Amino acid sequence: KACFSISKGIIITNEGIHRLDTNHPVNLRWLREFVEVSVYGNGGRLLFSTANNHGYLQAELVQHSVSIDLANYTASVILKFKTGPQFYFGPVTFSKSALRTRFLQRYIMFKPNQIYSTHDVLQLQQDLSSAGYFSQVSVKPTIKAKKTTQIPVHVELTAAQNMLYSLSGGYGTDTGYRGGLGWQWRRINSLGHHFNMQLNASQIGNNISSTYTSPGANPITEQYNLTNNVAYYKTNAGTSSLQSYGAVIMPLNQVKVFASV
């Protein structure tokens, strides 16, 4: 069984870039796939994506070759991957918005002078897009022409419609004819508080529920909800009514019912 080894170089994985200073055993099949697939396919993309996620935005593969000595069972792998300078995050600015800049900054999970990562940029865009306040979010890093490793980031925001209404209807064998009306107030104030209410009515009863939400220090994972629910039903078995008030703290999922009738 042939066993080849690479004596030195670097290994680039999803976890980062690691220097290799000792013999690393590889097999012939791996070397062949390395040349045919890895360098030109998934491995090449891994090189550049990993480099980009570690701040090397000007990286380039300048040389790649593998020489196999079948007589001595050795292989020489030459990969010259020029990373270029390492870049860091600069300041983050936002376009004009009804929401306070101080509140929007809570969505930023990186800090100035932290190693630049394309993953962090995409995550910021995803978190702002899923917040419900905007119809469009564009995060634009700027690599300046002058020699600097600081990359400022500008976020362009397009506000979504502040009031959103929904209407539904249908028929069920248990409820008879039924309908629903929903209302969302997406931006109550500049701190991102929002409110939603849902009214459902049918031939056997009515239900109205509402939730007032205040984002926490980390609006992605933390929020404080005040809830209200009132229901009344009349069936052949009798009538029933329910009224409850509560508070939900996320992500702790702690629910405290203040009143229930």
C-alpha atoms as a PDB file:
ATOM      1  CA  LYS A   1       0.000   0.000   0.000  1.00  0.00           C
ATOM      2  CA  ALA A   2       1.549   3.275  -1.052  1.00  0.00           C
ATOM      3  CA  CYS A   3       1.631   6.087   1.457  1.00  0.00           C
ATOM      4  CA  PHE A   4       2.700   9.564   0.464  1.00  0.00           C
ATOM      5  CA  SER A   5       3.307  12.521   2.734  1.00  0.00           C
ATOM      6  CA  ILE A   6       3.434  16.297   2.564  1.00  0.00           C
ATOM      7  CA  SER A   7       6.214  17.662   4.729  1.00  0.00           C
ATOM      8  CA  LYS A   8       5.147  21.274   5.155  1.00  0.00           C
ATOM      9  CA  GLY A   9       2.728  23.912   4.034  1.00  0.00           C
ATOM     10  CA  ILE A  10      -0.744  25.014   5.159  1.00  0.00           C
ATOM     11  CA  ILE A  11      -4.119  23.356   5.574  1.00  0.00           C
ATOM     12  CA  ILE A  12      -7.193  25.468   4.983  1.00  0.00           C
ATOM     13  CA  THR A  13     -10.484  24.235   6.426  1.00  0.00           C
ATOM     14  CA  ASN A  14     -13.812  25.767   7.409  1.00  0.00           C
ATOM     15  CA  GLU A  15     -12.334  26.345  10.856  1.00  0.00           C
ATOM     16  CA  GLY A  16      -9.472  28.462   9.561  1.00  0.00           C
ATOM     17  CA  ILE A  17      -5.961  28.455   8.119  1.00  0.00           C
ATOM     18  CA  HIS A  18      -3.461  26.190   9.866  1.00  0.00           C
ATOM     19  CA  ARG A  19       0.271  25.856   9.206  1.00  0.00           C
ATOM     20  CA  LEU A  20       1.605  22.340   8.676  1.00  0.00           C
ATOM     21  CA  ASP A  21       5.155  21.811  10.001  1.00  0.00           C
ATOM     22  CA  THR A  22       5.233  17.999  10.288  1.00  0.00           C
ATOM     23  CA  ASN A  23       4.691  15.154   7.848  1.00  0.00           C
ATOM     24  CA  HIS A  24       1.067  14.771   6.847  1.00  0.00           C
ATOM     25  CA  PRO A  25       0.239  11.326   5.338  1.00  0.00           C
ATOM     26  CA  VAL A  26      -1.957  11.264   2.241  1.00  0.00           C
ATOM     27  CA  ASN A  27      -2.861   8.560  -0.251  1.00  0.00           C
ATOM     28  CA  LEU A  28      -2.634   8.500  -4.020  1.00  0.00           C
ATOM     29  CA  ARG A  29      -6.373   8.743  -4.480  1.00  0.00           C
ATOM     30  CA  TRP A  30      -6.446  11.870  -2.337  1.00  0.00           C
ATOM     31  CA  LEU A  31      -3.666  13.417  -4.423  1.00  0.00           C
ATOM     32  CA  ARG A  32      -5.479  12.660  -7.673  1.00  0.00           C
ATOM     33  CA  GLU A  33      -8.728  14.136  -6.326  1.00  0.00           C
ATOM     34  CA  PHE A  34      -6.764  17.042  -4.978  1.00  0.00           C
ATOM     35  CA  VAL A  35      -5.566  17.916  -8.452  1.00  0.00           C
ATOM     36  CA  GLU A  36      -8.698  17.003 -10.429  1.00  0.00           C
ATOM     37  CA  VAL A  37     -11.392  18.192  -8.045  1.00  0.00           C
ATOM     38  CA  SER A  38     -10.148  20.061  -5.014  1.00  0.00           C
ATOM     39  CA  VAL A  39      -7.911  22.674  -6.581  1.00  0.00           C
ATOM     40  CA  TYR A  40     -10.236  23.362  -9.492  1.00  0.00           C
ATOM     41  CA  GLY A  41     -13.574  22.690  -7.782  1.00  0.00           C
ATOM     42  CA  ASN A  42     -14.743  22.533  -4.174  1.00  0.00           C
ATOM     43  CA  GLY A  43     -11.265  22.829  -2.715  1.00  0.00           C
ATOM     44  CA  GLY A  44     -10.557  25.952  -4.724  1.00  0.00           C
ATOM     45  CA  ARG A  45     -13.796  27.505  -3.539  1.00  0.00           C
ATOM     46  CA  LEU A  46     -12.941  26.478   0.018  1.00  0.00           C
ATOM     47  CA  LEU A  47      -9.575  28.221  -0.244  1.00  0.00           C
ATOM     48  CA  PHE A  48     -11.103  31.500  -1.298  1.00  0.00           C
ATOM     49  CA  SER A  49     -14.185  31.387   0.924  1.00  0.00           C
ATOM     50  CA  THR A  50     -12.056  30.603   3.974  1.00  0.00           C
ATOM     51  CA  ALA A  51      -9.606  33.333   3.084  1.00  0.00           C
ATOM     52  CA  ASN A  52     -12.438  35.839   2.616  1.00  0.00           C
ATOM     53  CA  ASN A  53     -13.959  34.879   5.953  1.00  0.00           C
ATOM     54  CA  HIS A  54     -10.619  35.597   7.607  1.00  0.00           C
ATOM     55  CA  GLY A  55     -10.120  39.011   6.068  1.00  0.00           C
ATOM     56  CA  TYR A  56      -7.988  38.100   3.040  1.00  0.00           C
ATOM     57  CA  LEU A  57     -10.068  39.732   0.335  1.00  0.00           C
ATOM     58  CA  GLN A  58      -7.328  39.986  -2.278  1.00  0.00           C
ATOM     59  CA  ALA A  59      -6.241  36.348  -2.114  1.00  0.00           C
ATOM     60  CA  GLU A  60      -5.214  34.574  -5.311  1.00  0.00           C
ATOM     61  CA  LEU A  61      -3.924  31.132  -6.260  1.00  0.00           C
ATOM     62  CA  VAL A  62      -0.725  31.819  -8.197  1.00  0.00           C
ATOM     63  CA  GLN A  63       0.615  28.260  -8.549  1.00  0.00           C
ATOM     64  CA  HIS A  64      -0.634  24.716  -7.998  1.00  0.00           C
ATOM     65  CA  SER A  65       1.121  21.467  -8.930  1.00  0.00           C
ATOM     66  CA  VAL A  66       1.611  17.889  -7.693  1.00  0.00           C
ATOM     67  CA  SER A  67       4.612  15.717  -8.559  1.00  0.00           C
ATOM     68  CA  ILE A  68       4.402  12.016  -7.654  1.00  0.00           C
ATOM     69  CA  ASP A  69       7.459   9.770  -7.334  1.00  0.00           C
ATOM     70  CA  LEU A  70       6.080   6.221  -7.653  1.00  0.00           C
ATOM     71  CA  ALA A  71       9.513   4.664  -7.077  1.00  0.00           C
ATOM     72  CA  ASN A  72       9.988   6.245  -3.663  1.00  0.00           C
ATOM     73  CA  TYR A  73       6.325   6.637  -2.749  1.00  0.00           C
ATOM     74  CA  THR A  74       6.648  10.370  -2.208  1.00  0.00           C
ATOM     75  CA  ALA A  75       4.797  13.335  -3.551  1.00  0.00           C
ATOM     76  CA  SER A  76       5.618  16.981  -3.828  1.00  0.00           C
ATOM     77  CA  VAL A  77       2.648  19.317  -3.624  1.00  0.00           C
ATOM     78  CA  ILE A  78       3.187  22.950  -4.455  1.00  0.00           C
ATOM     79  CA  LEU A  79       0.394  25.386  -3.739  1.00  0.00           C
ATOM     80  CA  LYS A  80       1.185  29.038  -3.793  1.00  0.00           C
ATOM     81  CA  PHE A  81      -1.790  30.853  -2.429  1.00  0.00           C
ATOM     82  CA  LYS A  82      -1.120  34.552  -2.083  1.00  0.00           C
ATOM     83  CA  THR A  83      -3.401  35.892   0.622  1.00  0.00           C
ATOM     84  CA  GLY A  84      -2.447  39.553   0.370  1.00  0.00           C
ATOM     85  CA  PRO A  85      -3.136  41.877   3.316  1.00  0.00           C
ATOM     86  CA  GLN A  86      -5.624  41.040   6.044  1.00  0.00           C
ATOM     87  CA  PHE A  87      -8.564  43.446   6.294  1.00  0.00           C
ATOM     88  CA  TYR A  88     -10.527  44.595   9.319  1.00  0.00           C
ATOM     89  CA  PHE A  89     -13.960  46.070   9.892  1.00  0.00           C
ATOM     90  CA  GLY A  90     -14.203  49.839   9.988  1.00  0.00           C
ATOM     91  CA  PRO A  91     -17.196  51.900  11.139  1.00  0.00           C
ATOM     92  CA  VAL A  92     -20.758  50.897  10.194  1.00  0.00           C
ATOM     93  CA  THR A  93     -23.189  53.570   9.026  1.00  0.00           C
ATOM     94  CA  PHE A  94     -26.889  53.416   8.194  1.00  0.00           C
ATOM     95  CA  SER A  95     -29.048  55.309   5.733  1.00  0.00           C
ATOM     96  CA  LYS A  96     -31.825  57.516   7.067  1.00  0.00           C
ATOM     97  CA  SER A  97     -34.392  55.466   8.956  1.00  0.00           C
ATOM     98  CA  ALA A  98     -37.342  55.911  11.297  1.00  0.00           C
ATOM     99  CA  LEU A  99     -35.461  53.682  13.732  1.00  0.00           C
ATOM    100  CA  ARG A 100     -32.683  55.073  15.912  1.00  0.00           C
ATOM    101  CA  THR A 101     -29.128  54.309  14.873  1.00  0.00           C
ATOM    102  CA  ARG A 102     -28.462  53.147  18.441  1.00  0.00           C
ATOM    103  CA  PHE A 103     -31.171  50.517  18.023  1.00  0.00           C
ATOM    104  CA  LEU A 104     -29.960  49.398  14.584  1.00  0.00           C
ATOM    105  CA  GLN A 105     -26.439  48.963  15.968  1.00  0.00           C
ATOM    106  CA  ARG A 106     -27.743  46.180  18.219  1.00  0.00           C
ATOM    107  CA  TYR A 107     -27.988  43.989  15.119  1.00  0.00           C
ATOM    108  CA  ILE A 108     -24.226  44.291  14.471  1.00  0.00           C
ATOM    109  CA  MET A 109     -22.452  41.210  15.817  1.00  0.00           C
ATOM    110  CA  PHE A 110     -18.940  42.417  14.925  1.00  0.00           C
ATOM    111  CA  LYS A 111     -16.882  45.336  16.178  1.00  0.00           C
ATOM    112  CA  PRO A 112     -14.554  47.891  14.539  1.00  0.00           C
ATOM    113  CA  ASN A 113     -11.015  46.525  14.062  1.00  0.00           C
ATOM    114  CA  GLN A 114     -12.308  42.942  14.154  1.00  0.00           C
ATOM    115  CA  ILE A 115     -11.033  40.737  11.314  1.00  0.00           C
ATOM    116  CA  TYR A 116     -13.267  41.253   8.286  1.00  0.00           C
ATOM    117  CA  SER A 117     -15.531  38.337   7.389  1.00  0.00           C
ATOM    118  CA  THR A 118     -17.913  38.060   4.472  1.00  0.00           C
ATOM    119  CA  HIS A 119     -19.971  35.675   6.617  1.00  0.00           C
ATOM    120  CA  ASP A 120     -20.518  38.412   9.218  1.00  0.00           C
ATOM    121  CA  VAL A 121     -21.602  40.845   6.495  1.00  0.00           C
ATOM    122  CA  LEU A 122     -24.137  38.392   5.080  1.00  0.00           C
ATOM    123  CA  GLN A 123     -25.372  37.608   8.590  1.00  0.00           C
ATOM    124  CA  LEU A 124     -25.994  41.302   9.277  1.00  0.00           C
ATOM    125  CA  GLN A 125     -28.005  41.596   6.062  1.00  0.00           C
ATOM    126  CA  GLN A 126     -30.010  38.481   6.903  1.00  0.00           C
ATOM    127  CA  ASP A 127     -30.774  39.616  10.469  1.00  0.00           C
ATOM    128  CA  LEU A 128     -31.950  43.057   9.360  1.00  0.00           C
ATOM    129  CA  SER A 129     -34.032  41.591   6.531  1.00  0.00           C
ATOM    130  CA  SER A 130     -35.813  39.177   8.867  1.00  0.00           C
ATOM    131  CA  ALA A 131     -36.495  41.866  11.503  1.00  0.00           C
ATOM    132  CA  GLY A 132     -39.711  42.881   9.730  1.00  0.00           C
ATOM    133  CA  TYR A 133     -38.977  46.615   9.603  1.00  0.00           C
ATOM    134  CA  PHE A 134     -37.590  46.794   6.068  1.00  0.00           C
ATOM    135  CA  SER A 135     -38.644  45.758   2.583  1.00  0.00           C
ATOM    136  CA  GLN A 136     -35.065  45.826   1.332  1.00  0.00           C
ATOM    137  CA  VAL A 137     -31.636  45.736   3.010  1.00  0.00           C
ATOM    138  CA  SER A 138     -28.326  46.242   1.235  1.00  0.00           C
ATOM    139  CA  VAL A 139     -25.039  45.940   3.161  1.00  0.00           C
ATOM    140  CA  LYS A 140     -22.206  47.556   1.225  1.00  0.00           C
ATOM    141  CA  PRO A 141     -18.578  47.157   2.388  1.00  0.00           C
ATOM    142  CA  THR A 142     -16.198  49.641   0.772  1.00  0.00           C
ATOM    143  CA  ILE A 143     -12.607  48.727  -0.033  1.00  0.00           C
ATOM    144  CA  LYS A 144     -10.919  52.061  -0.557  1.00  0.00           C
ATOM    145  CA  ALA A 145      -8.330  52.567  -3.266  1.00  0.00           C
ATOM    146  CA  LYS A 146      -5.788  54.012  -0.869  1.00  0.00           C
ATOM    147  CA  LYS A 147      -3.624  51.702   1.186  1.00  0.00           C
ATOM    148  CA  THR A 148      -5.739  50.889   4.217  1.00  0.00           C
ATOM    149  CA  THR A 149      -6.874  47.667   5.793  1.00  0.00           C
ATOM    150  CA  GLN A 150      -9.990  49.217   7.351  1.00  0.00           C
ATOM    151  CA  ILE A 151     -13.241  48.483   5.515  1.00  0.00           C
ATOM    152  CA  PRO A 152     -16.170  50.776   6.354  1.00  0.00           C
ATOM    153  CA  VAL A 153     -19.623  49.258   5.924  1.00  0.00           C
ATOM    154  CA  HIS A 154     -22.707  51.189   4.847  1.00  0.00           C
ATOM    155  CA  VAL A 155     -26.188  49.734   5.258  1.00  0.00           C
ATOM    156  CA  GLU A 156     -28.899  50.983   2.907  1.00  0.00           C
ATOM    157  CA  LEU A 157     -32.392  50.466   4.328  1.00  0.00           C
ATOM    158  CA  THR A 158     -35.779  50.706   2.645  1.00  0.00           C
ATOM    159  CA  ALA A 159     -38.651  50.842   5.124  1.00  0.00           C
ATOM    160  CA  ALA A 160     -41.471  48.334   4.853  1.00  0.00           C
ATOM    161  CA  GLN A 161     -45.106  49.425   5.036  1.00  0.00           C
ATOM    162  CA  ASN A 162     -45.702  50.388   8.664  1.00  0.00           C
ATOM    163  CA  MET A 163     -49.285  49.113   8.858  1.00  0.00           C
ATOM    164  CA  LEU A 164     -50.100  45.627   7.573  1.00  0.00           C
ATOM    165  CA  TYR A 165     -53.592  44.118   7.386  1.00  0.00           C
ATOM    166  CA  SER A 166     -54.735  40.581   6.626  1.00  0.00           C
ATOM    167  CA  LEU A 167     -58.144  39.069   5.937  1.00  0.00           C
ATOM    168  CA  SER A 168     -59.142  35.405   5.891  1.00  0.00           C
ATOM    169  CA  GLY A 169     -62.329  33.363   5.621  1.00  0.00           C
ATOM    170  CA  GLY A 170     -63.611  29.829   5.311  1.00  0.00           C
ATOM    171  CA  TYR A 171     -66.027  27.142   6.431  1.00  0.00           C
ATOM    172  CA  GLY A 172     -65.584  24.224   8.811  1.00  0.00           C
ATOM    173  CA  THR A 173     -67.909  21.438   9.911  1.00  0.00           C
ATOM    174  CA  ASP A 174     -67.165  22.241  13.569  1.00  0.00           C
ATOM    175  CA  THR A 175     -67.161  26.034  13.379  1.00  0.00           C
ATOM    176  CA  GLY A 176     -69.482  26.804  10.490  1.00  0.00           C
ATOM    177  CA  TYR A 177     -68.622  29.943   8.580  1.00  0.00           C
ATOM    178  CA  ARG A 178     -65.543  31.672   9.966  1.00  0.00           C
ATOM    179  CA  GLY A 179     -63.434  34.735   9.248  1.00  0.00           C
ATOM    180  CA  GLY A 180     -60.333  36.458  10.531  1.00  0.00           C
ATOM    181  CA  LEU A 181     -58.889  39.954  10.573  1.00  0.00           C
ATOM    182  CA  GLY A 182     -55.261  40.715  11.415  1.00  0.00           C
ATOM    183  CA  TRP A 183     -53.429  43.964  12.043  1.00  0.00           C
ATOM    184  CA  GLN A 184     -49.694  44.606  12.476  1.00  0.00           C
ATOM    185  CA  TRP A 185     -48.136  47.896  13.553  1.00  0.00           C
ATOM    186  CA  ARG A 186     -44.528  47.268  12.639  1.00  0.00           C
ATOM    187  CA  ARG A 187     -42.874  50.404  14.019  1.00  0.00           C
ATOM    188  CA  ILE A 188     -44.574  52.019  16.967  1.00  0.00           C
ATOM    189  CA  ASN A 189     -41.527  54.081  17.896  1.00  0.00           C
ATOM    190  CA  SER A 190     -37.861  54.566  16.998  1.00  0.00           C
ATOM    191  CA  LEU A 191     -36.809  51.767  19.377  1.00  0.00           C
ATOM    192  CA  GLY A 192     -38.466  49.079  17.271  1.00  0.00           C
ATOM    193  CA  HIS A 193     -41.492  48.317  19.430  1.00  0.00           C
ATOM    194  CA  HIS A 194     -44.288  46.655  17.458  1.00  0.00           C
ATOM    195  CA  PHE A 195     -47.817  45.407  17.970  1.00  0.00           C
ATOM    196  CA  ASN A 196     -50.092  42.839  16.343  1.00  0.00           C
ATOM    197  CA  MET A 197     -53.709  41.871  16.868  1.00  0.00           C
ATOM    198  CA  GLN A 198     -55.802  39.024  15.491  1.00  0.00           C
ATOM    199  CA  LEU A 199     -59.605  38.744  15.514  1.00  0.00           C
ATOM    200  CA  ASN A 200     -61.263  35.439  14.646  1.00  0.00           C
ATOM    201  CA  ALA A 201     -65.039  34.987  14.444  1.00  0.00           C
ATOM    202  CA  SER A 202     -67.189  31.967  13.658  1.00  0.00           C
ATOM    203  CA  GLN A 203     -70.726  30.703  14.135  1.00  0.00           C
ATOM    204  CA  ILE A 204     -69.812  29.137  17.479  1.00  0.00           C
ATOM    205  CA  GLY A 205     -67.586  31.815  18.988  1.00  0.00           C
ATOM    206  CA  ASN A 206     -65.165  34.700  18.794  1.00  0.00           C
ATOM    207  CA  ASN A 207     -61.538  35.187  19.781  1.00  0.00           C
ATOM    208  CA  ILE A 208     -59.323  38.263  19.921  1.00  0.00           C
ATOM    209  CA  SER A 209     -55.624  38.223  20.802  1.00  0.00           C
ATOM    210  CA  SER A 210     -52.908  40.850  20.812  1.00  0.00           C
ATOM    211  CA  THR A 211     -49.162  41.076  21.476  1.00  0.00           C
ATOM    212  CA  TYR A 212     -47.002  44.106  22.234  1.00  0.00           C
ATOM    213  CA  THR A 213     -43.297  43.432  21.624  1.00  0.00           C
ATOM    214  CA  SER A 214     -40.262  45.319  22.874  1.00  0.00           C
ATOM    215  CA  PRO A 215     -36.871  44.148  21.488  1.00  0.00           C
ATOM    216  CA  GLY A 216     -34.170  43.358  24.047  1.00  0.00           C
ATOM    217  CA  ALA A 217     -30.476  44.229  24.150  1.00  0.00           C
ATOM    218  CA  ASN A 218     -29.926  41.706  21.366  1.00  0.00           C
ATOM    219  CA  PRO A 219     -33.048  42.079  19.202  1.00  0.00           C
ATOM    220  CA  ILE A 220     -32.162  38.946  17.235  1.00  0.00           C
ATOM    221  CA  THR A 221     -32.657  36.629  20.203  1.00  0.00           C
ATOM    222  CA  GLU A 222     -34.202  38.719  22.981  1.00  0.00           C
ATOM    223  CA  GLN A 223     -37.648  40.278  23.160  1.00  0.00           C
ATOM    224  CA  TYR A 224     -40.279  41.096  25.756  1.00  0.00           C
ATOM    225  CA  ASN A 225     -43.910  40.386  24.906  1.00  0.00           C
ATOM    226  CA  LEU A 226     -47.103  41.486  26.621  1.00  0.00           C
ATOM    227  CA  THR A 227     -50.002  39.308  25.524  1.00  0.00           C
ATOM    228  CA  ASN A 228     -53.784  39.432  25.829  1.00  0.00           C
ATOM    229  CA  ASN A 229     -56.359  36.867  24.808  1.00  0.00           C
ATOM    230  CA  VAL A 230     -60.177  36.996  25.063  1.00  0.00           C
ATOM    231  CA  ALA A 231     -62.381  34.174  23.813  1.00  0.00           C
ATOM    232  CA  TYR A 232     -66.082  33.271  23.924  1.00  0.00           C
ATOM    233  CA  TYR A 233     -67.621  30.066  22.588  1.00  0.00           C
ATOM    234  CA  LYS A 234     -71.178  28.726  22.495  1.00  0.00           C
ATOM    235  CA  THR A 235     -71.837  25.114  21.537  1.00  0.00           C
ATOM    236  CA  ASN A 236     -74.487  22.479  22.186  1.00  0.00           C
ATOM    237  CA  ALA A 237     -72.556  21.534  25.313  1.00  0.00           C
ATOM    238  CA  GLY A 238     -72.818  25.043  26.744  1.00  0.00           C
ATOM    239  CA  THR A 239     -70.942  28.322  26.749  1.00  0.00           C
ATOM    240  CA  SER A 240     -67.410  29.157  27.835  1.00  0.00           C
ATOM    241  CA  SER A 241     -65.296  32.285  28.074  1.00  0.00           C
ATOM    242  CA  LEU A 242     -61.615  32.945  28.706  1.00  0.00           C
ATOM    243  CA  GLN A 243     -59.639  36.093  29.351  1.00  0.00           C
ATOM    244  CA  SER A 244     -55.913  35.980  30.013  1.00  0.00           C
ATOM    245  CA  TYR A 245     -52.981  38.373  30.239  1.00  0.00           C
ATOM    246  CA  GLY A 246     -49.357  37.403  30.259  1.00  0.00           C
ATOM    247  CA  ALA A 247     -45.726  38.245  29.640  1.00  0.00           C
ATOM    248  CA  VAL A 248     -43.187  36.262  27.644  1.00  0.00           C
ATOM    249  CA  ILE A 249     -39.462  36.891  27.888  1.00  0.00           C
ATOM    250  CA  MET A 250     -37.384  35.526  25.028  1.00  0.00           C
ATOM    251  CA  PRO A 251     -35.108  33.587  24.771  1.00  0.00           C
ATOM    252  CA  LEU A 252     -35.765  32.393  28.324  1.00  0.00           C
ATOM    253  CA  ASN A 253     -39.336  31.413  27.365  1.00  0.00           C
ATOM    254  CA  GLN A 254     -40.499  32.391  30.811  1.00  0.00           C
ATOM    255  CA  VAL A 255     -44.262  32.919  30.871  1.00  0.00           C
ATOM    256  CA  LYS A 256     -46.066  34.581  33.737  1.00  0.00           C
ATOM    257  CA  VAL A 257     -49.861  34.852  33.627  1.00  0.00           C
ATOM    258  CA  PHE A 258     -51.011  37.966  35.421  1.00  0.00           C
ATOM    259  CA  ALA A 259     -54.719  37.285  35.200  1.00  0.00           C
ATOM    260  CA  SER A 260     -57.006  34.591  33.898  1.00  0.00           C
ATOM    261  CA  VAL A 261     -60.793  34.365  34.013  1.00  0.00           C
END
